[in-house]
Amino acid sequence: MFVFQDSYQNEVHLSFTNDPFCLNPKHVWVICRYKDQWLLTKHKERGLEFPGGKVELGEKAKDAAVREVMEETGAEVKELIYLGQYKVLGRGKTIVKNIYFAEICSLTNQTSYFETYGPILMQDLPESIKTNNEYSFIMKDDVLVHSIKQVEQLLCERE
């Protein structure tokens, strides 16, 4: 388990075990790969980030992950793998998110990407994300750092 502060000085607990904080989390975050590139989206207010969002009433977290990827990027998920879960102890409320890795099989243009400007493909994630104002606060804490390591390990095991 990892414990650290996010960019707002909230305490964050991160674990790559099955459901360590909550069996039915209300949020998801999906690290996506499409044709050997990272697939992000540009949120209209927050900036560049991996897709994610809230789990709707009656929806399972994995179904929300697939839906959010489609809504925010137009991408069809080929394979979805649970990576872990993190908990943010914020001022007044606690948020728990499942983290997934998604292999994308196709991208289609959409008339609307909901609260985003649609898909952004990147060969590499810049080392300067934590200080780069183009990126969402969601991309600026150690959840990203540790999650990318998990994804890279997963990809190496597949080769």
C-alpha atoms as a PDB file:
ATOM      1  CA  MET A   1       0.000   0.000   0.000  1.00  0.00           C
ATOM      2  CA  PHE A   2       1.135   3.507  -0.830  1.00  0.00           C
ATOM      3  CA  VAL A   3       0.144   6.599   1.151  1.00  0.00           C
ATOM      4  CA  PHE A   4       0.913  10.118  -0.070  1.00  0.00           C
ATOM      5  CA  GLN A   5      -0.527  13.617  -0.521  1.00  0.00           C
ATOM      6  CA  ASP A   6      -2.227  14.767  -3.724  1.00  0.00           C
ATOM      7  CA  SER A   7      -1.789  18.236  -5.236  1.00  0.00           C
ATOM      8  CA  TYR A   8      -4.497  19.577  -2.890  1.00  0.00           C
ATOM      9  CA  GLN A   9      -2.754  18.111   0.182  1.00  0.00           C
ATOM     10  CA  ASN A  10      -5.407  15.412   0.614  1.00  0.00           C
ATOM     11  CA  GLU A  11      -4.198  12.067   1.945  1.00  0.00           C
ATOM     12  CA  VAL A  12      -4.312   9.340  -0.720  1.00  0.00           C
ATOM     13  CA  HIS A  13      -4.194   5.589  -0.094  1.00  0.00           C
ATOM     14  CA  LEU A  14      -3.369   3.421  -3.131  1.00  0.00           C
ATOM     15  CA  SER A  15      -3.415  -0.365  -3.334  1.00  0.00           C
ATOM     16  CA  PHE A  16      -3.001  -2.825  -6.179  1.00  0.00           C
ATOM     17  CA  THR A  17      -5.037  -5.527  -4.439  1.00  0.00           C
ATOM     18  CA  ASN A  18      -8.682  -6.460  -4.978  1.00  0.00           C
ATOM     19  CA  ASP A  19     -11.137  -3.948  -3.548  1.00  0.00           C
ATOM     20  CA  PRO A  20      -9.093  -2.888  -0.486  1.00  0.00           C
ATOM     21  CA  PHE A  21     -11.236   0.148   0.364  1.00  0.00           C
ATOM     22  CA  CYS A  22     -14.697  -0.489  -1.093  1.00  0.00           C
ATOM     23  CA  LEU A  23     -16.574  -3.288  -2.864  1.00  0.00           C
ATOM     24  CA  ASN A  24     -18.708  -0.857  -4.855  1.00  0.00           C
ATOM     25  CA  PRO A  25     -16.703   2.300  -5.600  1.00  0.00           C
ATOM     26  CA  LYS A  26     -18.509   5.301  -7.022  1.00  0.00           C
ATOM     27  CA  HIS A  27     -15.692   6.374  -9.399  1.00  0.00           C
ATOM     28  CA  VAL A  28     -13.435   4.822 -12.056  1.00  0.00           C
ATOM     29  CA  TRP A  29     -10.236   5.833 -13.842  1.00  0.00           C
ATOM     30  CA  VAL A  30      -9.034   4.027 -16.971  1.00  0.00           C
ATOM     31  CA  ILE A  31      -5.479   4.002 -18.315  1.00  0.00           C
ATOM     32  CA  CYS A  32      -5.874   3.298 -22.026  1.00  0.00           C
ATOM     33  CA  ARG A  33      -3.590   2.048 -24.812  1.00  0.00           C
ATOM     34  CA  TYR A  34      -4.452   2.124 -28.507  1.00  0.00           C
ATOM     35  CA  LYS A  35      -1.989   0.945 -31.150  1.00  0.00           C
ATOM     36  CA  ASP A  36       1.022   1.350 -28.817  1.00  0.00           C
ATOM     37  CA  GLN A  37      -0.023   4.852 -27.793  1.00  0.00           C
ATOM     38  CA  TRP A  38      -1.590   6.260 -24.643  1.00  0.00           C
ATOM     39  CA  LEU A  39      -5.193   7.323 -25.142  1.00  0.00           C
ATOM     40  CA  LEU A  40      -6.202  10.326 -23.078  1.00  0.00           C
ATOM     41  CA  THR A  41      -9.001  12.833 -23.308  1.00  0.00           C
ATOM     42  CA  LYS A  42      -9.041  16.591 -22.852  1.00  0.00           C
ATOM     43  CA  HIS A  43     -11.521  17.511 -20.158  1.00  0.00           C
ATOM     44  CA  LYS A  44     -13.136  20.893 -20.842  1.00  0.00           C
ATOM     45  CA  GLU A  45     -12.204  22.251 -17.406  1.00  0.00           C
ATOM     46  CA  ARG A  46      -9.377  20.092 -16.028  1.00  0.00           C
ATOM     47  CA  GLY A  47      -7.186  19.445 -19.076  1.00  0.00           C
ATOM     48  CA  LEU A  48      -5.525  16.261 -20.328  1.00  0.00           C
ATOM     49  CA  GLU A  49      -6.289  13.078 -18.407  1.00  0.00           C
ATOM     50  CA  PHE A  50      -7.118   9.427 -18.795  1.00  0.00           C
ATOM     51  CA  PRO A  51     -10.869   8.817 -19.093  1.00  0.00           C
ATOM     52  CA  GLY A  52     -12.958   8.157 -16.031  1.00  0.00           C
ATOM     53  CA  GLY A  53     -15.921   9.272 -14.041  1.00  0.00           C
ATOM     54  CA  LYS A  54     -18.794   8.282 -11.823  1.00  0.00           C
ATOM     55  CA  VAL A  55     -20.465   4.918 -11.571  1.00  0.00           C
ATOM     56  CA  GLU A  56     -24.153   5.368 -12.313  1.00  0.00           C
ATOM     57  CA  LEU A  57     -26.929   3.953 -10.130  1.00  0.00           C
ATOM     58  CA  GLY A  58     -27.272   0.208 -10.737  1.00  0.00           C
ATOM     59  CA  GLU A  59     -24.063   0.075 -12.787  1.00  0.00           C
ATOM     60  CA  LYS A  60     -20.984  -1.991 -11.925  1.00  0.00           C
ATOM     61  CA  ALA A  61     -17.625  -0.218 -11.811  1.00  0.00           C
ATOM     62  CA  LYS A  62     -16.214  -2.202 -14.754  1.00  0.00           C
ATOM     63  CA  ASP A  63     -19.264  -1.293 -16.862  1.00  0.00           C
ATOM     64  CA  ALA A  64     -18.840   2.359 -15.904  1.00  0.00           C
ATOM     65  CA  ALA A  65     -15.195   2.176 -16.996  1.00  0.00           C
ATOM     66  CA  VAL A  66     -16.141   0.884 -20.453  1.00  0.00           C
ATOM     67  CA  ARG A  67     -18.913   3.481 -20.773  1.00  0.00           C
ATOM     68  CA  GLU A  68     -16.725   6.390 -19.677  1.00  0.00           C
ATOM     69  CA  VAL A  69     -13.987   5.435 -22.174  1.00  0.00           C
ATOM     70  CA  MET A  70     -16.563   5.380 -24.992  1.00  0.00           C
ATOM     71  CA  GLU A  71     -18.252   8.622 -23.920  1.00  0.00           C
ATOM     72  CA  GLU A  72     -15.046  10.605 -23.458  1.00  0.00           C
ATOM     73  CA  THR A  73     -12.940   9.246 -26.343  1.00  0.00           C
ATOM     74  CA  GLY A  74     -15.152   7.269 -28.743  1.00  0.00           C
ATOM     75  CA  ALA A  75     -13.014   4.197 -28.017  1.00  0.00           C
ATOM     76  CA  GLU A  76     -14.197   0.615 -27.870  1.00  0.00           C
ATOM     77  CA  VAL A  77     -12.578  -1.395 -25.106  1.00  0.00           C
ATOM     78  CA  LYS A  78     -11.135  -4.702 -26.285  1.00  0.00           C
ATOM     79  CA  GLU A  79      -9.922  -5.814 -22.856  1.00  0.00           C
ATOM     80  CA  LEU A  80     -10.401  -4.275 -19.414  1.00  0.00           C
ATOM     81  CA  ILE A  81      -8.111  -5.266 -16.544  1.00  0.00           C
ATOM     82  CA  TYR A  82      -8.573  -4.228 -12.925  1.00  0.00           C
ATOM     83  CA  LEU A  83      -5.328  -2.732 -11.568  1.00  0.00           C
ATOM     84  CA  GLY A  84      -6.198  -1.417  -8.145  1.00  0.00           C
ATOM     85  CA  GLN A  85      -8.082   1.095  -6.098  1.00  0.00           C
ATOM     86  CA  TYR A  86      -7.352   4.389  -4.414  1.00  0.00           C
ATOM     87  CA  LYS A  87      -9.013   6.411  -1.699  1.00  0.00           C
ATOM     88  CA  VAL A  88      -8.759  10.179  -1.351  1.00  0.00           C
ATOM     89  CA  LEU A  89      -9.474  11.543   2.122  1.00  0.00           C
ATOM     90  CA  GLY A  90     -10.722  14.940   1.078  1.00  0.00           C
ATOM     91  CA  ARG A  91     -12.096  17.789   3.107  1.00  0.00           C
ATOM     92  CA  GLY A  92     -15.613  16.723   3.957  1.00  0.00           C
ATOM     93  CA  LYS A  93     -15.766  13.567   1.841  1.00  0.00           C
ATOM     94  CA  THR A  94     -13.860  10.455   0.853  1.00  0.00           C
ATOM     95  CA  ILE A  95     -13.669   9.323  -2.778  1.00  0.00           C
ATOM     96  CA  VAL A  96     -12.793   5.760  -3.801  1.00  0.00           C
ATOM     97  CA  LYS A  97     -11.867   4.959  -7.415  1.00  0.00           C
ATOM     98  CA  ASN A  98     -11.149   1.722  -9.180  1.00  0.00           C
ATOM     99  CA  ILE A  99      -8.191   1.903 -11.559  1.00  0.00           C
ATOM    100  CA  TYR A 100      -8.352  -0.100 -14.781  1.00  0.00           C
ATOM    101  CA  PHE A 101      -6.133  -0.707 -17.765  1.00  0.00           C
ATOM    102  CA  ALA A 102      -7.914  -0.891 -21.123  1.00  0.00           C
ATOM    103  CA  GLU A 103      -6.659  -2.151 -24.454  1.00  0.00           C
ATOM    104  CA  ILE A 104      -8.596  -0.283 -27.122  1.00  0.00           C
ATOM    105  CA  CYS A 105      -9.601  -1.964 -30.387  1.00  0.00           C
ATOM    106  CA  SER A 106     -11.093   1.001 -32.262  1.00  0.00           C
ATOM    107  CA  LEU A 107     -11.720   4.730 -32.152  1.00  0.00           C
ATOM    108  CA  THR A 108     -14.778   6.287 -33.752  1.00  0.00           C
ATOM    109  CA  ASN A 109     -15.646   9.949 -34.140  1.00  0.00           C
ATOM    110  CA  GLN A 110     -18.613  11.057 -32.079  1.00  0.00           C
ATOM    111  CA  THR A 111     -20.833  14.125 -32.311  1.00  0.00           C
ATOM    112  CA  SER A 112     -20.392  14.642 -28.562  1.00  0.00           C
ATOM    113  CA  TYR A 113     -17.728  13.614 -26.062  1.00  0.00           C
ATOM    114  CA  PHE A 114     -19.801  14.831 -23.106  1.00  0.00           C
ATOM    115  CA  GLU A 115     -17.574  16.951 -20.820  1.00  0.00           C
ATOM    116  CA  THR A 116     -14.436  16.416 -22.921  1.00  0.00           C
ATOM    117  CA  TYR A 117     -13.045  17.449 -26.296  1.00  0.00           C
ATOM    118  CA  GLY A 118     -12.480  13.828 -27.286  1.00  0.00           C
ATOM    119  CA  PRO A 119      -9.481  11.556 -27.786  1.00  0.00           C
ATOM    120  CA  ILE A 120      -5.827  12.537 -27.532  1.00  0.00           C
ATOM    121  CA  LEU A 121      -3.185   9.978 -28.582  1.00  0.00           C
ATOM    122  CA  MET A 122       0.343  10.240 -27.200  1.00  0.00           C
ATOM    123  CA  GLN A 123       3.385   8.099 -27.891  1.00  0.00           C
ATOM    124  CA  ASP A 124       4.881   8.937 -24.489  1.00  0.00           C
ATOM    125  CA  LEU A 125       3.675  10.676 -21.360  1.00  0.00           C
ATOM    126  CA  PRO A 126       5.921  13.654 -20.594  1.00  0.00           C
ATOM    127  CA  GLU A 127       8.050  13.627 -17.469  1.00  0.00           C
ATOM    128  CA  SER A 128       6.823  17.153 -16.714  1.00  0.00           C
ATOM    129  CA  ILE A 129       3.160  16.208 -16.109  1.00  0.00           C
ATOM    130  CA  LYS A 130       3.262  17.317 -12.453  1.00  0.00           C
ATOM    131  CA  THR A 131       4.231  20.864 -13.438  1.00  0.00           C
ATOM    132  CA  ASN A 132       2.524  21.068 -16.841  1.00  0.00           C
ATOM    133  CA  ASN A 133      -0.669  23.145 -16.733  1.00  0.00           C
ATOM    134  CA  GLU A 134      -2.112  21.301 -19.739  1.00  0.00           C
ATOM    135  CA  TYR A 135      -2.702  18.237 -17.545  1.00  0.00           C
ATOM    136  CA  SER A 136      -5.522  17.621 -15.090  1.00  0.00           C
ATOM    137  CA  PHE A 137      -4.848  17.476 -11.359  1.00  0.00           C
ATOM    138  CA  ILE A 138      -5.850  13.792 -11.609  1.00  0.00           C
ATOM    139  CA  MET A 139      -2.608  13.158 -13.529  1.00  0.00           C
ATOM    140  CA  LYS A 140      -0.369  15.000 -11.050  1.00  0.00           C
ATOM    141  CA  ASP A 141      -0.103  12.703  -8.055  1.00  0.00           C
ATOM    142  CA  ASP A 142       1.599   9.390  -7.435  1.00  0.00           C
ATOM    143  CA  VAL A 143      -1.475   7.374  -8.441  1.00  0.00           C
ATOM    144  CA  LEU A 144      -0.385   7.912 -12.050  1.00  0.00           C
ATOM    145  CA  VAL A 145       3.268   7.071 -11.358  1.00  0.00           C
ATOM    146  CA  HIS A 146       2.508   3.802  -9.578  1.00  0.00           C
ATOM    147  CA  SER A 147      -0.309   2.835 -11.969  1.00  0.00           C
ATOM    148  CA  ILE A 148       1.881   3.307 -15.045  1.00  0.00           C
ATOM    149  CA  LYS A 149       4.463   1.002 -13.446  1.00  0.00           C
ATOM    150  CA  GLN A 150       1.724  -1.610 -13.004  1.00  0.00           C
ATOM    151  CA  VAL A 151       0.670  -1.232 -16.649  1.00  0.00           C
ATOM    152  CA  GLU A 152       4.258  -1.465 -17.907  1.00  0.00           C
ATOM    153  CA  GLN A 153       4.797  -4.628 -15.853  1.00  0.00           C
ATOM    154  CA  LEU A 154       1.591  -6.092 -17.251  1.00  0.00           C
ATOM    155  CA  LEU A 155       2.649  -5.278 -20.818  1.00  0.00           C
ATOM    156  CA  CYS A 156       6.108  -6.799 -20.284  1.00  0.00           C
ATOM    157  CA  GLU A 157       4.565 -10.015 -18.972  1.00  0.00           C
ATOM    158  CA  ARG A 158       2.499 -10.286 -22.171  1.00  0.00           C
ATOM    159  CA  GLU A 159       5.543 -10.083 -24.472  1.00  0.00           C
END
